[in-house]
Amino acid sequence: MDPQLPRDVLSVWIGRRAADTFVILRARWLPSAYKRWLEVAELTAPTISIGTLPFMFRLLT
């Protein structure tokens, strides 16, 4: 099934609820997960620079 189908077509499809939950949890966890990733990256690759990160991730720092 395609989770992009209109809600009225798949209104009771459990995958819709799962997709919604995934979006919510990802948004909740992204800032702290990315912060931790930066810490690990700085420890293992000291040449990393904020300027070389993708724009959307620079917004989180």
C-alpha atoms as a PDB file:
ATOM      1  CA  MET A   1       0.000   0.000   0.000  1.00  0.00           C
ATOM      2  CA  ASP A   2       1.109   3.530  -0.694  1.00  0.00           C
ATOM      3  CA  PRO A   3       1.139   5.737   2.450  1.00  0.00           C
ATOM      4  CA  GLN A   4       0.855   8.768   0.167  1.00  0.00           C
ATOM      5  CA  LEU A   5      -2.679   7.830  -0.890  1.00  0.00           C
ATOM      6  CA  PRO A   6      -5.422  10.163   0.384  1.00  0.00           C
ATOM      7  CA  ARG A   7      -6.538   9.501   3.965  1.00  0.00           C
ATOM      8  CA  ASP A   8     -10.128   8.732   2.917  1.00  0.00           C
ATOM      9  CA  VAL A   9      -8.885   5.859   0.748  1.00  0.00           C
ATOM     10  CA  LEU A  10      -6.884   4.235   3.560  1.00  0.00           C
ATOM     11  CA  SER A  11      -8.471   5.792   6.628  1.00  0.00           C
ATOM     12  CA  VAL A  12      -8.092   2.677   8.800  1.00  0.00           C
ATOM     13  CA  TRP A  13      -4.833   1.358   7.351  1.00  0.00           C
ATOM     14  CA  ILE A  14      -2.399   0.703  10.230  1.00  0.00           C
ATOM     15  CA  GLY A  15       0.524   1.777   8.047  1.00  0.00           C
ATOM     16  CA  ARG A  16      -0.839   5.329   8.078  1.00  0.00           C
ATOM     17  CA  ARG A  17      -0.617   5.428  11.871  1.00  0.00           C
ATOM     18  CA  ALA A  18       2.852   3.887  11.763  1.00  0.00           C
ATOM     19  CA  ALA A  19       4.021   6.481   9.217  1.00  0.00           C
ATOM     20  CA  ASP A  20       2.602   9.317  11.338  1.00  0.00           C
ATOM     21  CA  THR A  21       4.320   7.923  14.448  1.00  0.00           C
ATOM     22  CA  PHE A  22       7.621   7.636  12.580  1.00  0.00           C
ATOM     23  CA  VAL A  23       7.448  11.284  11.495  1.00  0.00           C
ATOM     24  CA  ILE A  24       6.699  12.430  15.059  1.00  0.00           C
ATOM     25  CA  LEU A  25       9.463  10.347  16.636  1.00  0.00           C
ATOM     26  CA  ARG A  26      12.020  11.313  14.011  1.00  0.00           C
ATOM     27  CA  ALA A  27      11.307  15.003  14.581  1.00  0.00           C
ATOM     28  CA  ARG A  28      11.573  14.513  18.349  1.00  0.00           C
ATOM     29  CA  TRP A  29      14.825  12.539  18.232  1.00  0.00           C
ATOM     30  CA  LEU A  30      16.638  14.294  15.371  1.00  0.00           C
ATOM     31  CA  PRO A  31      18.209  17.225  17.270  1.00  0.00           C
ATOM     32  CA  SER A  32      19.744  15.118  20.064  1.00  0.00           C
ATOM     33  CA  ALA A  33      20.727  12.291  17.698  1.00  0.00           C
ATOM     34  CA  TYR A  34      22.426  14.714  15.349  1.00  0.00           C
ATOM     35  CA  LYS A  35      24.163  16.467  18.234  1.00  0.00           C
ATOM     36  CA  ARG A  36      25.544  13.108  19.352  1.00  0.00           C
ATOM     37  CA  TRP A  37      26.588  12.272  15.787  1.00  0.00           C
ATOM     38  CA  LEU A  38      28.553  15.531  15.670  1.00  0.00           C
ATOM     39  CA  GLU A  39      30.294  14.671  18.951  1.00  0.00           C
ATOM     40  CA  VAL A  40      31.324  11.264  17.608  1.00  0.00           C
ATOM     41  CA  ALA A  41      32.382  12.751  14.264  1.00  0.00           C
ATOM     42  CA  GLU A  42      34.540  15.339  15.994  1.00  0.00           C
ATOM     43  CA  LEU A  43      36.241  12.617  18.037  1.00  0.00           C
ATOM     44  CA  THR A  44      36.902  10.374  15.066  1.00  0.00           C
ATOM     45  CA  ALA A  45      37.459  12.931  12.300  1.00  0.00           C
ATOM     46  CA  PRO A  46      38.937  16.135  13.761  1.00  0.00           C
ATOM     47  CA  THR A  47      38.953  17.812  10.342  1.00  0.00           C
ATOM     48  CA  ILE A  48      35.137  18.094  10.230  1.00  0.00           C
ATOM     49  CA  SER A  49      33.920  21.635   9.967  1.00  0.00           C
ATOM     50  CA  ILE A  50      30.415  22.999  10.448  1.00  0.00           C
ATOM     51  CA  GLY A  51      30.762  24.783   7.103  1.00  0.00           C
ATOM     52  CA  THR A  52      31.035  21.477   5.259  1.00  0.00           C
ATOM     53  CA  LEU A  53      27.783  20.093   6.664  1.00  0.00           C
ATOM     54  CA  PRO A  54      24.552  20.136   4.668  1.00  0.00           C
ATOM     55  CA  PHE A  55      22.579  23.325   5.275  1.00  0.00           C
ATOM     56  CA  MET A  56      19.691  21.691   7.168  1.00  0.00           C
ATOM     57  CA  PHE A  57      22.114  20.223   9.721  1.00  0.00           C
ATOM     58  CA  ARG A  58      23.847  23.566  10.258  1.00  0.00           C
ATOM     59  CA  LEU A  59      20.505  24.854  11.522  1.00  0.00           C
ATOM     60  CA  LEU A  60      20.632  22.306  14.352  1.00  0.00           C
ATOM     61  CA  THR A  61      24.044  23.370  15.657  1.00  0.00           C
END
